[in-house]
C-alpha atoms as a PDB file:
ATOM      1  CA  MET A   1     120.085 -62.673  11.130  1.00  0.00           C
ATOM      2  CA  THR A   2     121.459 -59.143  11.095  1.00  0.00           C
ATOM      3  CA  SER A   3     120.024 -55.739  10.322  1.00  0.00           C
ATOM      4  CA  GLU A   4     121.714 -56.023   6.905  1.00  0.00           C
ATOM      5  CA  THR A   5     119.698 -59.122   5.977  1.00  0.00           C
ATOM      6  CA  PRO A   6     117.595 -58.249   2.906  1.00  0.00           C
ATOM      7  CA  ARG A   7     113.883 -58.118   3.607  1.00  0.00           C
ATOM      8  CA  LEU A   8     111.730 -60.328   1.395  1.00  0.00           C
ATOM      9  CA  LEU A   9     108.060 -60.063   0.475  1.00  0.00           C
ATOM     10  CA  ALA A  10     106.023 -63.084  -0.650  1.00  0.00           C
ATOM     11  CA  VAL A  11     102.718 -62.134  -2.276  1.00  0.00           C
ATOM     12  CA  CYS A  12     100.347 -65.084  -1.921  1.00  0.00           C
ATOM     13  CA  LEU A  13      96.869 -64.126  -3.120  1.00  0.00           C
ATOM     14  CA  ASN A  14      95.456 -67.634  -2.742  1.00  0.00           C
ATOM     15  CA  PRO A  15      96.824 -69.175   0.483  1.00  0.00           C
ATOM     16  CA  ALA A  16      95.492 -72.355   2.049  1.00  0.00           C
ATOM     17  CA  TRP A  17      95.284 -74.273   5.260  1.00  0.00           C
ATOM     18  CA  GLN A  18      97.118 -77.502   4.488  1.00  0.00           C
ATOM     19  CA  LYS A  19      96.121 -80.894   5.901  1.00  0.00           C
ATOM     20  CA  THR A  20      98.401 -83.850   5.235  1.00  0.00           C
ATOM     21  CA  LEU A  21      97.023 -87.357   5.796  1.00  0.00           C
ATOM     22  CA  SER A  22      99.582 -90.179   5.695  1.00  0.00           C
ATOM     23  CA  PHE A  23      98.528 -93.767   5.049  1.00  0.00           C
ATOM     24  CA  ASP A  24     100.479 -97.006   5.259  1.00  0.00           C
ATOM     25  CA  ARG A  25      98.704 -97.863   2.009  1.00  0.00           C
ATOM     26  CA  LEU A  26      96.058 -95.805   0.183  1.00  0.00           C
ATOM     27  CA  THR A  27      93.403 -97.644  -1.818  1.00  0.00           C
ATOM     28  CA  LEU A  28      91.041 -95.613  -3.973  1.00  0.00           C
ATOM     29  CA  GLY A  29      87.391 -96.645  -3.671  1.00  0.00           C
ATOM     30  CA  ALA A  30      87.924 -98.143  -0.202  1.00  0.00           C
ATOM     31  CA  VAL A  31      87.787 -96.984   3.404  1.00  0.00           C
ATOM     32  CA  ASN A  32      91.244 -95.669   4.327  1.00  0.00           C
ATOM     33  CA  ARG A  33      92.323 -94.891   7.887  1.00  0.00           C
ATOM     34  CA  ALA A  34      95.167 -92.424   8.151  1.00  0.00           C
ATOM     35  CA  ALA A  35      98.226 -93.231  10.225  1.00  0.00           C
ATOM     36  CA  SER A  36      98.824 -89.542  10.947  1.00  0.00           C
ATOM     37  CA  LEU A  37      97.457 -86.039  10.350  1.00  0.00           C
ATOM     38  CA  ARG A  38      99.515 -82.853  10.154  1.00  0.00           C
ATOM     39  CA  GLU A  39      98.195 -79.339   9.585  1.00  0.00           C
ATOM     40  CA  CYS A  40      99.973 -76.148   8.568  1.00  0.00           C
ATOM     41  CA  GLY A  41      99.723 -73.076   6.397  1.00  0.00           C
ATOM     42  CA  GLY A  42      99.927 -73.688   2.666  1.00  0.00           C
ATOM     43  CA  GLY A  43      99.840 -72.091  -0.740  1.00  0.00           C
ATOM     44  CA  LYS A  44     102.873 -71.283  -2.877  1.00  0.00           C
ATOM     45  CA  GLY A  45     103.740 -67.990  -1.192  1.00  0.00           C
ATOM     46  CA  VAL A  46     103.366 -69.338   2.334  1.00  0.00           C
ATOM     47  CA  ASN A  47     105.531 -72.330   1.486  1.00  0.00           C
ATOM     48  CA  ALA A  48     108.165 -70.101  -0.127  1.00  0.00           C
ATOM     49  CA  ALA A  49     108.155 -67.820   2.923  1.00  0.00           C
ATOM     50  CA  ARG A  50     108.654 -70.821   5.224  1.00  0.00           C
ATOM     51  CA  ALA A  51     111.763 -71.810   3.265  1.00  0.00           C
ATOM     52  CA  MET A  52     113.078 -68.226   3.241  1.00  0.00           C
ATOM     53  CA  ARG A  53     112.622 -67.993   6.994  1.00  0.00           C
ATOM     54  CA  ILE A  54     114.486 -71.262   7.597  1.00  0.00           C
ATOM     55  CA  ALA A  55     117.328 -69.787   5.540  1.00  0.00           C
ATOM     56  CA  GLY A  56     117.449 -66.823   7.932  1.00  0.00           C
ATOM     57  CA  ALA A  57     115.604 -64.191   5.924  1.00  0.00           C
ATOM     58  CA  SER A  58     113.330 -61.456   7.234  1.00  0.00           C
ATOM     59  CA  VAL A  59     110.056 -62.294   5.505  1.00  0.00           C
ATOM     60  CA  THR A  60     106.609 -60.763   5.084  1.00  0.00           C
ATOM     61  CA  VAL A  61     103.652 -62.589   3.523  1.00  0.00           C
ATOM     62  CA  ALA A  62     100.922 -60.570   1.810  1.00  0.00           C
ATOM     63  CA  SER A  63      97.723 -62.573   1.462  1.00  0.00           C
ATOM     64  CA  ILE A  64      93.941 -62.652   1.449  1.00  0.00           C
ATOM     65  CA  ALA A  65      92.620 -64.758   4.316  1.00  0.00           C
ATOM     66  CA  GLY A  66      89.404 -65.292   6.209  1.00  0.00           C
ATOM     67  CA  GLY A  67      87.447 -67.400   8.654  1.00  0.00           C
ATOM     68  CA  ALA A  68      88.784 -69.925  11.144  1.00  0.00           C
ATOM     69  CA  THR A  69      91.326 -71.343   8.704  1.00  0.00           C
ATOM     70  CA  GLY A  70      92.587 -67.859   7.928  1.00  0.00           C
ATOM     71  CA  ALA A  71      93.064 -67.251  11.654  1.00  0.00           C
ATOM     72  CA  LEU A  72      95.066 -70.488  11.931  1.00  0.00           C
ATOM     73  CA  LEU A  73      97.258 -69.373   9.047  1.00  0.00           C
ATOM     74  CA  GLU A  74      97.923 -65.950  10.576  1.00  0.00           C
ATOM     75  CA  ALA A  75      98.767 -67.532  13.938  1.00  0.00           C
ATOM     76  CA  GLU A  76     101.270 -69.890  12.334  1.00  0.00           C
ATOM     77  CA  LEU A  77     103.004 -67.096  10.424  1.00  0.00           C
ATOM     78  CA  SER A  78     103.306 -65.074  13.610  1.00  0.00           C
ATOM     79  CA  ALA A  79     104.722 -68.024  15.564  1.00  0.00           C
ATOM     80  CA  ALA A  80     107.329 -68.570  12.827  1.00  0.00           C
ATOM     81  CA  GLY A  81     108.470 -64.954  12.977  1.00  0.00           C
ATOM     82  CA  ILE A  82     106.972 -64.138   9.564  1.00  0.00           C
ATOM     83  CA  ALA A  83     105.294 -60.739   9.286  1.00  0.00           C
ATOM     84  CA  SER A  84     101.900 -60.471   7.615  1.00  0.00           C
ATOM     85  CA  ILE A  85     100.034 -58.041   5.403  1.00  0.00           C
ATOM     86  CA  ALA A  86      96.562 -59.543   5.271  1.00  0.00           C
ATOM     87  CA  ALA A  87      93.244 -58.454   3.846  1.00  0.00           C
ATOM     88  CA  GLU A  88      90.221 -60.233   5.301  1.00  0.00           C
ATOM     89  CA  GLN A  89      87.831 -61.910   2.907  1.00  0.00           C
ATOM     90  CA  PRO A  90      84.201 -62.783   3.724  1.00  0.00           C
ATOM     91  CA  GLY A  91      84.676 -66.541   3.221  1.00  0.00           C
ATOM     92  CA  SER A  92      87.114 -68.925   4.848  1.00  0.00           C
ATOM     93  CA  THR A  93      90.594 -69.618   3.535  1.00  0.00           C
ATOM     94  CA  ARG A  94      90.463 -72.756   1.406  1.00  0.00           C
ATOM     95  CA  VAL A  95      91.658 -76.109   2.728  1.00  0.00           C
ATOM     96  CA  CYS A  96      94.061 -78.251   0.702  1.00  0.00           C
ATOM     97  CA  THR A  97      94.346 -81.904   1.674  1.00  0.00           C
ATOM     98  CA  THR A  98      97.388 -83.996   0.781  1.00  0.00           C
ATOM     99  CA  LEU A  99      97.154 -87.780   0.779  1.00  0.00           C
ATOM    100  CA  VAL A 100     100.481 -89.580   1.156  1.00  0.00           C
ATOM    101  CA  ASP A 101     100.612 -93.275   0.262  1.00  0.00           C
ATOM    102  CA  GLY A 102     103.448 -94.741   2.325  1.00  0.00           C
ATOM    103  CA  ALA A 103     103.572 -97.939   0.260  1.00  0.00           C
ATOM    104  CA  SER A 104     104.123 -96.264  -3.112  1.00  0.00           C
ATOM    105  CA  GLY A 105     105.287 -92.800  -2.128  1.00  0.00           C
ATOM    106  CA  VAL A 106     102.587 -91.313  -4.364  1.00  0.00           C
ATOM    107  CA  VAL A 107     101.224 -87.952  -3.190  1.00  0.00           C
ATOM    108  CA  THR A 108      97.673 -86.867  -4.104  1.00  0.00           C
ATOM    109  CA  GLU A 109      96.420 -83.293  -3.717  1.00  0.00           C
ATOM    110  CA  LEU A 110      92.779 -82.342  -3.056  1.00  0.00           C
ATOM    111  CA  ILE A 111      92.231 -78.602  -3.443  1.00  0.00           C
ATOM    112  CA  GLU A 112      89.093 -76.750  -2.426  1.00  0.00           C
ATOM    113  CA  PRO A 113      87.779 -73.903  -4.602  1.00  0.00           C
ATOM    114  CA  SER A 114      88.593 -70.407  -3.387  1.00  0.00           C
ATOM    115  CA  PRO A 115      85.835 -67.957  -2.441  1.00  0.00           C
ATOM    116  CA  ALA A 116      85.419 -64.846  -4.580  1.00  0.00           C
ATOM    117  CA  VAL A 117      87.139 -61.749  -3.193  1.00  0.00           C
ATOM    118  CA  PRO A 118      85.206 -58.444  -3.160  1.00  0.00           C
ATOM    119  CA  ALA A 119      86.730 -55.541  -5.082  1.00  0.00           C
ATOM    120  CA  GLY A 120      87.127 -53.479  -1.907  1.00  0.00           C
ATOM    121  CA  VAL A 121      89.245 -56.197  -0.286  1.00  0.00           C
ATOM    122  CA  VAL A 122      91.411 -56.485  -3.399  1.00  0.00           C
ATOM    123  CA  GLU A 123      92.036 -52.732  -3.525  1.00  0.00           C
ATOM    124  CA  ALA A 124      92.828 -52.539   0.188  1.00  0.00           C
ATOM    125  CA  LEU A 125      95.478 -55.239  -0.139  1.00  0.00           C
ATOM    126  CA  ARG A 126      96.863 -53.734  -3.327  1.00  0.00           C
ATOM    127  CA  GLU A 127      97.427 -50.370  -1.639  1.00  0.00           C
ATOM    128  CA  ARG A 128      99.121 -51.958   1.356  1.00  0.00           C
ATOM    129  CA  VAL A 129     101.372 -54.155  -0.771  1.00  0.00           C
ATOM    130  CA  LEU A 130     102.453 -51.302  -3.050  1.00  0.00           C
ATOM    131  CA  ALA A 131     103.268 -49.201   0.001  1.00  0.00           C
ATOM    132  CA  ALA A 132     105.378 -52.038   1.443  1.00  0.00           C
ATOM    133  CA  VAL A 133     107.298 -52.921  -1.737  1.00  0.00           C
ATOM    134  CA  PRO A 134     110.053 -50.247  -1.415  1.00  0.00           C
ATOM    135  CA  ARG A 135     111.067 -51.704   1.966  1.00  0.00           C
ATOM    136  CA  HIS A 136     111.932 -55.085   0.457  1.00  0.00           C
ATOM    137  CA  ALA A 137     114.934 -56.204  -1.600  1.00  0.00           C
ATOM    138  CA  GLY A 138     113.146 -59.206  -3.076  1.00  0.00           C
ATOM    139  CA  VAL A 139     109.521 -59.796  -4.046  1.00  0.00           C
ATOM    140  CA  ALA A 140     108.035 -63.208  -4.849  1.00  0.00           C
ATOM    141  CA  LEU A 141     104.734 -63.373  -6.732  1.00  0.00           C
ATOM    142  CA  CYS A 142     103.445 -66.835  -5.986  1.00  0.00           C
ATOM    143  CA  GLY A 143     100.558 -68.887  -7.305  1.00  0.00           C
ATOM    144  CA  SER A 144      97.221 -68.196  -8.888  1.00  0.00           C
ATOM    145  CA  ALA A 145      94.747 -65.473  -7.997  1.00  0.00           C
ATOM    146  CA  PRO A 146      91.323 -66.313  -6.524  1.00  0.00           C
ATOM    147  CA  PRO A 147      88.109 -65.190  -8.257  1.00  0.00           C
ATOM    148  CA  GLY A 148      87.705 -61.426  -8.066  1.00  0.00           C
ATOM    149  CA  VAL A 149      91.409 -60.572  -8.197  1.00  0.00           C
ATOM    150  CA  PRO A 150      92.422 -59.129 -11.596  1.00  0.00           C
ATOM    151  CA  GLU A 151      95.549 -60.200 -13.481  1.00  0.00           C
ATOM    152  CA  SER A 152      96.804 -56.632 -13.127  1.00  0.00           C
ATOM    153  CA  PHE A 153      97.461 -57.166  -9.385  1.00  0.00           C
ATOM    154  CA  TYR A 154     100.743 -59.037  -9.820  1.00  0.00           C
ATOM    155  CA  ALA A 155     101.701 -56.817 -12.770  1.00  0.00           C
ATOM    156  CA  ASP A 156     101.282 -53.669 -10.648  1.00  0.00           C
ATOM    157  CA  VAL A 157     103.411 -55.151  -7.866  1.00  0.00           C
ATOM    158  CA  ALA A 158     106.090 -56.298 -10.334  1.00  0.00           C
ATOM    159  CA  ARG A 159     106.377 -52.803 -11.844  1.00  0.00           C
ATOM    160  CA  ALA A 160     106.605 -51.186  -8.413  1.00  0.00           C
ATOM    161  CA  ALA A 161     109.218 -53.687  -7.247  1.00  0.00           C
ATOM    162  CA  ARG A 162     111.419 -53.226 -10.305  1.00  0.00           C
ATOM    163  CA  ALA A 163     111.151 -49.454  -9.963  1.00  0.00           C
ATOM    164  CA  ALA A 164     112.337 -49.821  -6.354  1.00  0.00           C
ATOM    165  CA  GLY A 165     115.304 -51.955  -7.400  1.00  0.00           C
ATOM    166  CA  ALA A 166     113.984 -55.195  -5.896  1.00  0.00           C
ATOM    167  CA  VAL A 167     114.612 -58.621  -7.426  1.00  0.00           C
ATOM    168  CA  VAL A 168     111.263 -59.954  -8.688  1.00  0.00           C
ATOM    169  CA  LEU A 169     110.461 -63.681  -8.874  1.00  0.00           C
ATOM    170  CA  LEU A 170     107.299 -65.155 -10.400  1.00  0.00           C
ATOM    171  CA  ASP A 171     106.142 -68.672  -9.536  1.00  0.00           C
ATOM    172  CA  GLY A 172     102.941 -69.232 -11.483  1.00  0.00           C
ATOM    173  CA  VAL A 173     101.613 -69.601 -15.032  1.00  0.00           C
ATOM    174  CA  SER A 174      97.882 -68.918 -14.797  1.00  0.00           C
ATOM    175  CA  GLY A 175      96.876 -65.387 -15.752  1.00  0.00           C
ATOM    176  CA  VAL A 176     100.438 -64.042 -15.699  1.00  0.00           C
ATOM    177  CA  ALA A 177     100.810 -62.510 -19.183  1.00  0.00           C
ATOM    178  CA  ALA A 178     100.454 -58.952 -17.886  1.00  0.00           C
ATOM    179  CA  THR A 179     103.020 -59.646 -15.173  1.00  0.00           C
ATOM    180  CA  LEU A 180     105.510 -61.082 -17.659  1.00  0.00           C
ATOM    181  CA  GLU A 181     105.004 -58.073 -19.919  1.00  0.00           C
ATOM    182  CA  SER A 182     105.761 -55.736 -17.024  1.00  0.00           C
ATOM    183  CA  GLY A 183     109.035 -57.600 -16.454  1.00  0.00           C
ATOM    184  CA  VAL A 184     110.373 -60.087 -13.897  1.00  0.00           C
ATOM    185  CA  ASP A 185     113.918 -61.118 -13.060  1.00  0.00           C
ATOM    186  CA  LEU A 186     113.295 -64.768 -12.225  1.00  0.00           C
ATOM    187  CA  VAL A 187     110.610 -67.232 -13.275  1.00  0.00           C
ATOM    188  CA  LYS A 188     110.412 -70.567 -11.440  1.00  0.00           C
ATOM    189  CA  ILE A 189     108.407 -73.035 -13.509  1.00  0.00           C
ATOM    190  CA  ASN A 190     108.211 -76.779 -14.084  1.00  0.00           C
ATOM    191  CA  ALA A 191     108.784 -78.433 -17.441  1.00  0.00           C
ATOM    192  CA  GLY A 192     105.109 -79.142 -18.074  1.00  0.00           C
ATOM    193  CA  GLU A 193     104.147 -75.562 -17.282  1.00  0.00           C
ATOM    194  CA  LEU A 194     106.839 -74.180 -19.605  1.00  0.00           C
ATOM    195  CA  ARG A 195     105.595 -76.371 -22.444  1.00  0.00           C
ATOM    196  CA  ALA A 196     102.019 -75.262 -21.818  1.00  0.00           C
ATOM    197  CA  LEU A 197     103.021 -71.589 -21.622  1.00  0.00           C
ATOM    198  CA  SER A 198     104.982 -71.698 -24.880  1.00  0.00           C
ATOM    199  CA  GLY A 199     103.164 -74.385 -26.854  1.00  0.00           C
ATOM    200  CA  LEU A 200     106.532 -76.023 -27.617  1.00  0.00           C
ATOM    201  CA  ASP A 201     107.865 -79.419 -26.526  1.00  0.00           C
ATOM    202  CA  ASP A 202     111.590 -78.648 -26.632  1.00  0.00           C
ATOM    203  CA  LEU A 203     112.489 -76.880 -23.388  1.00  0.00           C
ATOM    204  CA  ALA A 204     115.311 -74.779 -24.813  1.00  0.00           C
ATOM    205  CA  ALA A 205     113.110 -73.557 -27.664  1.00  0.00           C
ATOM    206  CA  ALA A 206     110.230 -72.955 -25.238  1.00  0.00           C
ATOM    207  CA  ALA A 207     112.443 -70.909 -22.921  1.00  0.00           C
ATOM    208  CA  ALA A 208     113.867 -68.897 -25.819  1.00  0.00           C
ATOM    209  CA  GLN A 209     110.380 -68.108 -27.097  1.00  0.00           C
ATOM    210  CA  CYS A 210     109.182 -66.960 -23.665  1.00  0.00           C
ATOM    211  CA  ARG A 211     112.255 -64.784 -23.142  1.00  0.00           C
ATOM    212  CA  ARG A 212     111.749 -63.181 -26.576  1.00  0.00           C
ATOM    213  CA  ARG A 213     108.052 -62.605 -25.996  1.00  0.00           C
ATOM    214  CA  TRP A 214     108.239 -61.282 -22.450  1.00  0.00           C
ATOM    215  CA  ARG A 215     110.650 -59.391 -20.205  1.00  0.00           C
ATOM    216  CA  ILE A 216     112.155 -62.366 -18.373  1.00  0.00           C
ATOM    217  CA  GLY A 217     115.686 -62.466 -16.996  1.00  0.00           C
ATOM    218  CA  TRP A 218     116.115 -66.137 -16.091  1.00  0.00           C
ATOM    219  CA  LEU A 219     113.864 -69.195 -16.283  1.00  0.00           C
ATOM    220  CA  GLY A 220     114.516 -71.877 -13.661  1.00  0.00           C
ATOM    221  CA  VAL A 221     112.841 -75.086 -14.822  1.00  0.00           C
ATOM    222  CA  THR A 222     112.325 -78.200 -12.704  1.00  0.00           C
ATOM    223  CA  ALA A 223     111.135 -81.692 -13.620  1.00  0.00           C
ATOM    224  CA  GLY A 224     110.479 -83.392 -10.298  1.00  0.00           C
ATOM    225  CA  ALA A 225     113.262 -85.629  -9.078  1.00  0.00           C
ATOM    226  CA  ALA A 226     114.849 -85.996 -12.509  1.00  0.00           C
ATOM    227  CA  ALA A 227     116.613 -82.818 -13.558  1.00  0.00           C
ATOM    228  CA  ALA A 228     116.513 -79.033 -13.689  1.00  0.00           C
ATOM    229  CA  TRP A 229     117.466 -76.371 -16.232  1.00  0.00           C
ATOM    230  CA  LEU A 230     118.367 -72.695 -16.168  1.00  0.00           C
ATOM    231  CA  PHE A 231     117.818 -70.490 -19.223  1.00  0.00           C
ATOM    232  CA  GLY A 232     118.995 -66.890 -19.261  1.00  0.00           C
ATOM    233  CA  PRO A 233     121.234 -64.389 -21.038  1.00  0.00           C
ATOM    234  CA  GLY A 234     124.212 -66.739 -20.780  1.00  0.00           C
ATOM    235  CA  ALA A 235     124.607 -70.410 -21.675  1.00  0.00           C
ATOM    236  CA  ALA A 236     121.794 -72.820 -20.847  1.00  0.00           C
ATOM    237  CA  ARG A 237     122.541 -75.138 -17.933  1.00  0.00           C
ATOM    238  CA  ARG A 238     121.186 -78.518 -16.836  1.00  0.00           C
ATOM    239  CA  TRP A 239     121.685 -80.467 -13.621  1.00  0.00           C
ATOM    240  CA  ARG A 240     120.992 -84.024 -12.564  1.00  0.00           C
ATOM    241  CA  LEU A 241     119.507 -84.238  -9.067  1.00  0.00           C
ATOM    242  CA  PRO A 242     120.634 -86.880  -6.534  1.00  0.00           C
ATOM    243  CA  ARG A 243     118.464 -89.852  -5.705  1.00  0.00           C
ATOM    244  CA  LEU A 244     116.694 -89.283  -2.379  1.00  0.00           C
ATOM    245  CA  GLU A 245     116.535 -91.920   0.342  1.00  0.00           C
ATOM    246  CA  GLY A 246     113.847 -91.672   3.015  1.00  0.00           C
ATOM    247  CA  LEU A 247     111.349 -89.660   0.979  1.00  0.00           C
ATOM    248  CA  ARG A 248     108.634 -88.198   3.241  1.00  0.00           C
ATOM    249  CA  ASN A 249     106.556 -85.486   1.542  1.00  0.00           C
ATOM    250  CA  THR A 250     107.187 -83.761  -1.793  1.00  0.00           C
ATOM    251  CA  THR A 251     104.513 -81.092  -1.243  1.00  0.00           C
ATOM    252  CA  GLY A 252     105.951 -77.593  -1.507  1.00  0.00           C
ATOM    253  CA  ALA A 253     109.338 -78.644  -2.907  1.00  0.00           C
ATOM    254  CA  GLY A 254     108.991 -76.338  -5.899  1.00  0.00           C
ATOM    255  CA  ASP A 255     107.874 -73.501  -3.629  1.00  0.00           C
ATOM    256  CA  CYS A 256     110.920 -74.114  -1.453  1.00  0.00           C
ATOM    257  CA  ALA A 257     113.106 -73.754  -4.542  1.00  0.00           C
ATOM    258  CA  SER A 258     111.438 -70.437  -5.389  1.00  0.00           C
ATOM    259  CA  GLY A 259     111.941 -69.075  -1.901  1.00  0.00           C
ATOM    260  CA  ILE A 260     115.603 -70.028  -1.623  1.00  0.00           C
ATOM    261  CA  TRP A 261     116.418 -68.832  -5.155  1.00  0.00           C
ATOM    262  CA  LEU A 262     115.065 -65.384  -4.311  1.00  0.00           C
ATOM    263  CA  GLN A 263     116.603 -65.364  -0.828  1.00  0.00           C
ATOM    264  CA  ARG A 264     120.053 -66.020  -2.262  1.00  0.00           C
ATOM    265  CA  LEU A 265     119.783 -63.223  -4.842  1.00  0.00           C
ATOM    266  CA  ALA A 266     117.861 -60.418  -3.130  1.00  0.00           C
ATOM    267  CA  GLY A 267     119.964 -57.316  -2.676  1.00  0.00           C
ATOM    268  CA  ARG A 268     122.663 -58.540  -5.049  1.00  0.00           C
ATOM    269  CA  ALA A 269     123.661 -57.754  -8.621  1.00  0.00           C
ATOM    270  CA  LEU A 270     122.344 -60.454 -10.942  1.00  0.00           C
ATOM    271  CA  ASP A 271     124.883 -62.157 -13.180  1.00  0.00           C
ATOM    272  CA  ASP A 272     124.615 -65.505 -14.915  1.00  0.00           C
ATOM    273  CA  ALA A 273     127.081 -67.354 -12.688  1.00  0.00           C
ATOM    274  CA  GLY A 274     125.581 -65.982  -9.480  1.00  0.00           C
ATOM    275  CA  VAL A 275     122.036 -66.761 -10.562  1.00  0.00           C
ATOM    276  CA  ALA A 276     123.090 -70.302 -11.475  1.00  0.00           C
ATOM    277  CA  ALA A 277     124.833 -70.895  -8.134  1.00  0.00           C
ATOM    278  CA  ALA A 278     121.766 -69.617  -6.275  1.00  0.00           C
ATOM    279  CA  PHE A 279     119.534 -71.916  -8.338  1.00  0.00           C
ATOM    280  CA  VAL A 280     121.627 -74.935  -7.368  1.00  0.00           C
ATOM    281  CA  ASP A 281     121.268 -73.895  -3.710  1.00  0.00           C
ATOM    282  CA  ALA A 282     117.520 -73.748  -4.298  1.00  0.00           C
ATOM    283  CA  LEU A 283     117.453 -77.214  -5.865  1.00  0.00           C
ATOM    284  CA  ALA A 284     119.357 -78.645  -2.898  1.00  0.00           C
ATOM    285  CA  ALA A 285     116.952 -77.087  -0.390  1.00  0.00           C
ATOM    286  CA  ALA A 286     113.969 -78.333  -2.390  1.00  0.00           C
ATOM    287  CA  SER A 287     115.388 -81.850  -2.420  1.00  0.00           C
ATOM    288  CA  ALA A 288     116.006 -81.695   1.330  1.00  0.00           C
ATOM    289  CA  SER A 289     112.425 -80.537   1.886  1.00  0.00           C
ATOM    290  CA  CYS A 290     111.177 -83.834   0.430  1.00  0.00           C
ATOM    291  CA  LEU A 291     112.787 -85.577   3.414  1.00  0.00           C
ATOM    292  CA  THR A 292     110.650 -83.724   5.976  1.00  0.00           C
ATOM    293  CA  ASP A 293     106.961 -83.916   6.858  1.00  0.00           C
ATOM    294  CA  LEU A 294     106.295 -80.163   6.730  1.00  0.00           C
ATOM    295  CA  PRO A 295     105.861 -78.731   3.201  1.00  0.00           C
ATOM    296  CA  SER A 296     108.895 -76.707   2.014  1.00  0.00           C
ATOM    297  CA  ALA A 297     110.708 -77.111   5.354  1.00  0.00           C
ATOM    298  CA  PHE A 298     114.280 -78.390   5.160  1.00  0.00           C
ATOM    299  CA  ASP A 299     117.378 -79.091   7.209  1.00  0.00           C
ATOM    300  CA  PRO A 300     120.112 -76.682   5.996  1.00  0.00           C
ATOM    301  CA  ALA A 301     122.835 -79.223   6.795  1.00  0.00           C
ATOM    302  CA  ARG A 302     121.040 -81.893   4.770  1.00  0.00           C
ATOM    303  CA  ALA A 303     120.617 -79.402   1.922  1.00  0.00           C
ATOM    304  CA  ALA A 304     124.348 -78.664   1.946  1.00  0.00           C
ATOM    305  CA  GLY A 305     125.122 -82.370   1.626  1.00  0.00           C
ATOM    306  CA  LEU A 306     122.689 -82.789  -1.255  1.00  0.00           C
ATOM    307  CA  ARG A 307     124.091 -79.747  -3.032  1.00  0.00           C
ATOM    308  CA  ALA A 308     127.430 -81.465  -3.371  1.00  0.00           C
ATOM    309  CA  ALA A 309     125.686 -84.323  -5.183  1.00  0.00           C
ATOM    310  CA  ILE A 310     123.937 -82.142  -7.797  1.00  0.00           C
ATOM    311  CA  ARG A 311     125.810 -82.690 -11.060  1.00  0.00           C
ATOM    312  CA  PRO A 312     125.955 -80.448 -14.161  1.00  0.00           C
ATOM    313  CA  GLU A 313     125.022 -82.140 -17.455  1.00  0.00           C
ATOM    314  CA  ASP A 314     124.776 -81.282 -21.117  1.00  0.00           C
ATOM    315  CA  PRO A 315     121.709 -79.007 -21.350  1.00  0.00           C
ATOM    316  CA  ALA A 316     120.674 -80.794 -24.539  1.00  0.00           C
ATOM    317  CA  ALA A 317     120.483 -84.167 -22.740  1.00  0.00           C
ATOM    318  CA  SER A 318     117.067 -85.797 -22.720  1.00  0.00           C
END
């Protein structure tokens, strides 16, 4: 990494401490003994920052954290070389538990509720984030907001980032109307979320409606291991993803895609071909992350091999 490496900011208002329990076979309604336990920081923004850092970026995470789990999260970010802008909340950072069934490959998520955040904590973080925005070439707004944080938070950051010339990515669909109205360059979303956001089943029509309604540059749409689409000012694109052998943990794959998509584009002029190439890089990294135990972590060499196997298809294909 050089001094010219664009600095990236991941705003993660609702981080988590992630526990992953792996079972040889998981049976609901029975006593299950885990074969292994892994713990790490979690939440969309933290996962995206982990992927950005692996790709060589200079990354800062802005979050609301508290308690023993919040301290664990801050320690992990520091050890990974990720800077932190943190506001301390009265309660503890939530714990998310992932159950991995080795026999079927099915992953189950158990997510704790988030504690309410006092208005003073929200305002303190908002001021610090807005002050930091001009120092970053890319800003990722990741995930939902906990109780007490208004929808205007992300919208304020998006406006400040665009005014500073930063590339703005949004990865989230809950309470984001004000943010979309303020304008974002990139939206990373899955097919189900796009249908819910638009009320339409056809993805191309749903994307067109969202781009007409809000100030969105490009919509990157994923559908698990099946396919992915890109909708923007140019022609719609669709890709078929390669079949993965040795699947380990799919948690954070979408967040990995968000992080790498922004990392590839921060500090650069956005054009349709460049945005598409960066999105394919992001899909490859996300696929590679499914072959590791740590959420959103990936082997760059493995990602490069998978990228070569990602094939363009007719965007109208089912």
